[in-house]
Amino acid sequence: MVITVFKLSTISLHSKLVIINAAVLPTLHFTYMGNYKIALLTVNLAPYMALKLMT
């Protein structure tokens, strides 16, 4: 919600902190979140699949 309401100020702050162009930051953010979701799904799915294979 904060990112939606304060989008421009949040992008400006983050681009200054990590020294990245503000135009590229949303793309990097969505790429990071996509990779995070895939990793989280993999980490949670692997033990489940191992338990299903054992039974």
PDB file of N, CA and C in Angstrom:
ATOM      1  N   MET A   1       0.820  -1.188   0.000  1.00  0.00           N
ATOM      2  CA  MET A   1       0.000   0.000   0.000  1.00  0.00           C
ATOM      3  C   MET A   1       0.866   1.254   0.000  1.00  0.00           C
ATOM      4  N   VAL A   2       1.931   1.233   0.783  1.00  0.00           N
ATOM      5  CA  VAL A   2       2.801   2.401   0.862  1.00  0.00           C
ATOM      6  C   VAL A   2       3.424   2.691  -0.495  1.00  0.00           C
ATOM      7  N   ILE A   3       3.815   1.652  -1.201  1.00  0.00           N
ATOM      8  CA  ILE A   3       4.427   1.852  -2.514  1.00  0.00           C
ATOM      9  C   ILE A   3       3.406   2.423  -3.490  1.00  0.00           C
ATOM     10  N   THR A   4       2.158   2.018  -3.376  1.00  0.00           N
ATOM     11  CA  THR A   4       1.125   2.539  -4.258  1.00  0.00           C
ATOM     12  C   THR A   4       0.841   4.011  -3.978  1.00  0.00           C
ATOM     13  N   VAL A   5       0.748   4.358  -2.721  1.00  0.00           N
ATOM     14  CA  VAL A   5       0.404   5.725  -2.342  1.00  0.00           C
ATOM     15  C   VAL A   5       1.583   6.671  -2.556  1.00  0.00           C
ATOM     16  N   PHE A   6       2.767   6.259  -2.149  1.00  0.00           N
ATOM     17  CA  PHE A   6       3.953   7.098  -2.227  1.00  0.00           C
ATOM     18  C   PHE A   6       4.926   6.592  -3.280  1.00  0.00           C
ATOM     19  N   LYS A   7       4.421   6.241  -4.451  1.00  0.00           N
ATOM     20  CA  LYS A   7       5.221   5.595  -5.486  1.00  0.00           C
ATOM     21  C   LYS A   7       6.431   6.421  -5.904  1.00  0.00           C
ATOM     22  N   LEU A   8       6.223   7.671  -6.245  1.00  0.00           N
ATOM     23  CA  LEU A   8       7.327   8.493  -6.735  1.00  0.00           C
ATOM     24  C   LEU A   8       8.382   8.746  -5.667  1.00  0.00           C
ATOM     25  N   SER A   9       7.944   9.028  -4.450  1.00  0.00           N
ATOM     26  CA  SER A   9       8.919   9.277  -3.388  1.00  0.00           C
ATOM     27  C   SER A   9       9.655   7.999  -2.995  1.00  0.00           C
ATOM     28  N   THR A  10       8.967   6.867  -3.029  1.00  0.00           N
ATOM     29  CA  THR A  10       9.613   5.594  -2.705  1.00  0.00           C
ATOM     30  C   THR A  10      10.650   5.225  -3.757  1.00  0.00           C
ATOM     31  N   ILE A  11      10.311   5.385  -5.027  1.00  0.00           N
ATOM     32  CA  ILE A  11      11.257   5.091  -6.105  1.00  0.00           C
ATOM     33  C   ILE A  11      12.448   6.031  -6.026  1.00  0.00           C
ATOM     34  N   SER A  12      12.206   7.289  -5.752  1.00  0.00           N
ATOM     35  CA  SER A  12      13.295   8.261  -5.635  1.00  0.00           C
ATOM     36  C   SER A  12      14.223   7.894  -4.481  1.00  0.00           C
ATOM     37  N   LEU A  13      13.652   7.543  -3.340  1.00  0.00           N
ATOM     38  CA  LEU A  13      14.462   7.174  -2.177  1.00  0.00           C
ATOM     39  C   LEU A  13      15.295   5.931  -2.457  1.00  0.00           C
ATOM     40  N   HIS A  14      14.676   4.893  -3.007  1.00  0.00           N
ATOM     41  CA  HIS A  14      15.403   3.658  -3.279  1.00  0.00           C
ATOM     42  C   HIS A  14      16.466   3.843  -4.355  1.00  0.00           C
ATOM     43  N   SER A  15      16.176   4.649  -5.356  1.00  0.00           N
ATOM     44  CA  SER A  15      17.173   4.867  -6.402  1.00  0.00           C
ATOM     45  C   SER A  15      18.375   5.631  -5.855  1.00  0.00           C
ATOM     46  N   LYS A  16      18.163   6.503  -4.883  1.00  0.00           N
ATOM     47  CA  LYS A  16      19.288   7.211  -4.255  1.00  0.00           C
ATOM     48  C   LYS A  16      20.076   6.294  -3.335  1.00  0.00           C
ATOM     49  N   LEU A  17      19.394   5.382  -2.646  1.00  0.00           N
ATOM     50  CA  LEU A  17      20.077   4.489  -1.710  1.00  0.00           C
ATOM     51  C   LEU A  17      20.984   3.490  -2.416  1.00  0.00           C
ATOM     52  N   VAL A  18      20.509   2.915  -3.514  1.00  0.00           N
ATOM     53  CA  VAL A  18      21.278   1.873  -4.195  1.00  0.00           C
ATOM     54  C   VAL A  18      21.935   2.356  -5.476  1.00  0.00           C
ATOM     55  N   ILE A  19      21.816   3.633  -5.762  1.00  0.00           N
ATOM     56  CA  ILE A  19      22.430   4.269  -6.928  1.00  0.00           C
ATOM     57  C   ILE A  19      22.063   3.524  -8.216  1.00  0.00           C
ATOM     58  N   ILE A  20      20.763   3.442  -8.458  1.00  0.00           N
ATOM     59  CA  ILE A  20      20.222   2.841  -9.672  1.00  0.00           C
ATOM     60  C   ILE A  20      19.286   3.862 -10.305  1.00  0.00           C
ATOM     61  N   ASN A  21      19.245   3.866 -11.609  1.00  0.00           N
ATOM     62  CA  ASN A  21      18.357   4.765 -12.334  1.00  0.00           C
ATOM     63  C   ASN A  21      16.909   4.489 -11.921  1.00  0.00           C
ATOM     64  N   ALA A  22      16.148   5.541 -11.667  1.00  0.00           N
ATOM     65  CA  ALA A  22      14.766   5.396 -11.203  1.00  0.00           C
ATOM     66  C   ALA A  22      13.873   4.723 -12.244  1.00  0.00           C
ATOM     67  N   ALA A  23      14.213   4.835 -13.524  1.00  0.00           N
ATOM     68  CA  ALA A  23      13.404   4.214 -14.567  1.00  0.00           C
ATOM     69  C   ALA A  23      13.569   2.691 -14.584  1.00  0.00           C
ATOM     70  N   VAL A  24      14.695   2.200 -14.115  1.00  0.00           N
ATOM     71  CA  VAL A  24      14.990   0.764 -14.139  1.00  0.00           C
ATOM     72  C   VAL A  24      14.515   0.071 -12.861  1.00  0.00           C
ATOM     73  N   LEU A  25      14.327   0.828 -11.807  1.00  0.00           N
ATOM     74  CA  LEU A  25      14.009   0.250 -10.505  1.00  0.00           C
ATOM     75  C   LEU A  25      12.739  -0.598 -10.483  1.00  0.00           C
ATOM     76  N   PRO A  26      11.610  -0.170 -11.078  1.00  0.00           N
ATOM     77  CA  PRO A  26      10.424  -1.045 -11.055  1.00  0.00           C
ATOM     78  C   PRO A  26      10.647  -2.391 -11.754  1.00  0.00           C
ATOM     79  N   THR A  27      11.398  -2.389 -12.844  1.00  0.00           N
ATOM     80  CA  THR A  27      11.700  -3.638 -13.542  1.00  0.00           C
ATOM     81  C   THR A  27      12.526  -4.560 -12.652  1.00  0.00           C
ATOM     82  N   LEU A  28      13.522  -4.002 -11.997  1.00  0.00           N
ATOM     83  CA  LEU A  28      14.346  -4.802 -11.091  1.00  0.00           C
ATOM     84  C   LEU A  28      13.527  -5.327  -9.922  1.00  0.00           C
ATOM     85  N   HIS A  29      12.614  -4.513  -9.422  1.00  0.00           N
ATOM     86  CA  HIS A  29      11.777  -4.937  -8.309  1.00  0.00           C
ATOM     87  C   HIS A  29      10.896  -6.121  -8.690  1.00  0.00           C
ATOM     88  N   PHE A  30      10.230  -6.042  -9.847  1.00  0.00           N
ATOM     89  CA  PHE A  30       9.364  -7.134 -10.267  1.00  0.00           C
ATOM     90  C   PHE A  30      10.160  -8.394 -10.597  1.00  0.00           C
ATOM     91  N   THR A  31      11.359  -8.230 -11.144  1.00  0.00           N
ATOM     92  CA  THR A  31      12.220  -9.384 -11.404  1.00  0.00           C
ATOM     93  C   THR A  31      12.620 -10.059 -10.098  1.00  0.00           C
ATOM     94  N   TYR A  32      13.012  -9.241  -9.125  1.00  0.00           N
ATOM     95  CA  TYR A  32      13.386  -9.775  -7.814  1.00  0.00           C
ATOM     96  C   TYR A  32      12.217 -10.501  -7.162  1.00  0.00           C
ATOM     97  N   MET A  33      11.039  -9.891  -7.177  1.00  0.00           N
ATOM     98  CA  MET A  33       9.879 -10.519  -6.542  1.00  0.00           C
ATOM     99  C   MET A  33       9.478 -11.817  -7.253  1.00  0.00           C
ATOM    100  N   GLY A  34       9.599 -11.840  -8.568  1.00  0.00           N
ATOM    101  CA  GLY A  34       9.313 -13.070  -9.306  1.00  0.00           C
ATOM    102  C   GLY A  34      10.269 -14.184  -8.938  1.00  0.00           C
ATOM    103  N   ASN A  35      11.558 -13.864  -8.869  1.00  0.00           N
ATOM    104  CA  ASN A  35      12.556 -14.862  -8.476  1.00  0.00           C
ATOM    105  C   ASN A  35      12.347 -15.315  -7.035  1.00  0.00           C
ATOM    106  N   TYR A  36      11.968 -14.387  -6.156  1.00  0.00           N
ATOM    107  CA  TYR A  36      11.700 -14.723  -4.766  1.00  0.00           C
ATOM    108  C   TYR A  36      10.528 -15.691  -4.657  1.00  0.00           C
ATOM    109  N   LYS A  37       9.467 -15.452  -5.416  1.00  0.00           N
ATOM    110  CA  LYS A  37       8.303 -16.337  -5.370  1.00  0.00           C
ATOM    111  C   LYS A  37       8.638 -17.726  -5.894  1.00  0.00           C
ATOM    112  N   ILE A  38       9.432 -17.792  -6.947  1.00  0.00           N
ATOM    113  CA  ILE A  38       9.833 -19.094  -7.482  1.00  0.00           C
ATOM    114  C   ILE A  38      10.688 -19.841  -6.467  1.00  0.00           C
ATOM    115  N   ALA A  39      11.623 -19.147  -5.828  1.00  0.00           N
ATOM    116  CA  ALA A  39      12.474 -19.785  -4.819  1.00  0.00           C
ATOM    117  C   ALA A  39      11.649 -20.247  -3.623  1.00  0.00           C
ATOM    118  N   LEU A  40      10.717 -19.421  -3.183  1.00  0.00           N
ATOM    119  CA  LEU A  40       9.875 -19.791  -2.053  1.00  0.00           C
ATOM    120  C   LEU A  40       9.009 -21.000  -2.378  1.00  0.00           C
ATOM    121  N   LEU A  41       8.455 -21.031  -3.562  1.00  0.00           N
ATOM    122  CA  LEU A  41       7.651 -22.170  -3.986  1.00  0.00           C
ATOM    123  C   LEU A  41       8.504 -23.442  -4.042  1.00  0.00           C
ATOM    124  N   THR A  42       9.706 -23.331  -4.559  1.00  0.00           N
ATOM    125  CA  THR A  42      10.599 -24.485  -4.656  1.00  0.00           C
ATOM    126  C   THR A  42      10.982 -25.004  -3.277  1.00  0.00           C
ATOM    127  N   VAL A  43      11.327 -24.093  -2.376  1.00  0.00           N
ATOM    128  CA  VAL A  43      11.729 -24.492  -1.024  1.00  0.00           C
ATOM    129  C   VAL A  43      10.571 -25.145  -0.281  1.00  0.00           C
ATOM    130  N   ASN A  44       9.368 -24.685  -0.501  1.00  0.00           N
ATOM    131  CA  ASN A  44       8.220 -25.272   0.185  1.00  0.00           C
ATOM    132  C   ASN A  44       7.708 -26.532  -0.502  1.00  0.00           C
ATOM    133  N   LEU A  45       7.908 -26.645  -1.789  1.00  0.00           N
ATOM    134  CA  LEU A  45       7.391 -27.792  -2.521  1.00  0.00           C
ATOM    135  C   LEU A  45       8.321 -29.007  -2.428  1.00  0.00           C
ATOM    136  N   ALA A  46       9.606 -28.788  -2.316  1.00  0.00           N
ATOM    137  CA  ALA A  46      10.567 -29.893  -2.291  1.00  0.00           C
ATOM    138  C   ALA A  46      10.340 -30.851  -1.117  1.00  0.00           C
ATOM    139  N   PRO A  47      10.184 -30.394   0.125  1.00  0.00           N
ATOM    140  CA  PRO A  47       9.921 -31.339   1.226  1.00  0.00           C
ATOM    141  C   PRO A  47       8.595 -32.091   1.053  1.00  0.00           C
ATOM    142  N   TYR A  48       7.586 -31.417   0.537  1.00  0.00           N
ATOM    143  CA  TYR A  48       6.299 -32.059   0.306  1.00  0.00           C
ATOM    144  C   TYR A  48       6.433 -33.194  -0.705  1.00  0.00           C
ATOM    145  N   MET A  49       7.148 -32.913  -1.787  1.00  0.00           N
ATOM    146  CA  MET A  49       7.342 -33.953  -2.814  1.00  0.00           C
ATOM    147  C   MET A  49       8.170 -35.112  -2.260  1.00  0.00           C
ATOM    148  N   ALA A  50       9.171 -34.816  -1.434  1.00  0.00           N
ATOM    149  CA  ALA A  50       9.983 -35.884  -0.845  1.00  0.00           C
ATOM    150  C   ALA A  50       9.131 -36.758   0.071  1.00  0.00           C
ATOM    151  N   LEU A  51       8.261 -36.156   0.854  1.00  0.00           N
ATOM    152  CA  LEU A  51       7.388 -36.940   1.725  1.00  0.00           C
ATOM    153  C   LEU A  51       6.387 -37.760   0.928  1.00  0.00           C
ATOM    154  N   LYS A  52       5.880 -37.206  -0.172  1.00  0.00           N
ATOM    155  CA  LYS A  52       4.942 -37.961  -1.004  1.00  0.00           C
ATOM    156  C   LYS A  52       5.635 -39.147  -1.665  1.00  0.00           C
ATOM    157  N   LEU A  53       6.910 -38.998  -2.049  1.00  0.00           N
ATOM    158  CA  LEU A  53       7.635 -40.101  -2.664  1.00  0.00           C
ATOM    159  C   LEU A  53       7.956 -41.205  -1.681  1.00  0.00           C
ATOM    160  N   MET A  54       8.078 -40.849  -0.389  1.00  0.00           N
ATOM    161  CA  MET A  54       8.409 -41.849   0.629  1.00  0.00           C
ATOM    162  C   MET A  54       7.210 -42.737   0.965  1.00  0.00           C
ATOM    163  N   THR A  55       6.015 -42.267   0.759  1.00  0.00           N
ATOM    164  CA  THR A  55       4.851 -43.079   1.132  1.00  0.00           C
ATOM    165  C   THR A  55       4.332 -43.887  -0.021  1.00  0.00           C
TER     166      THR A  55
END
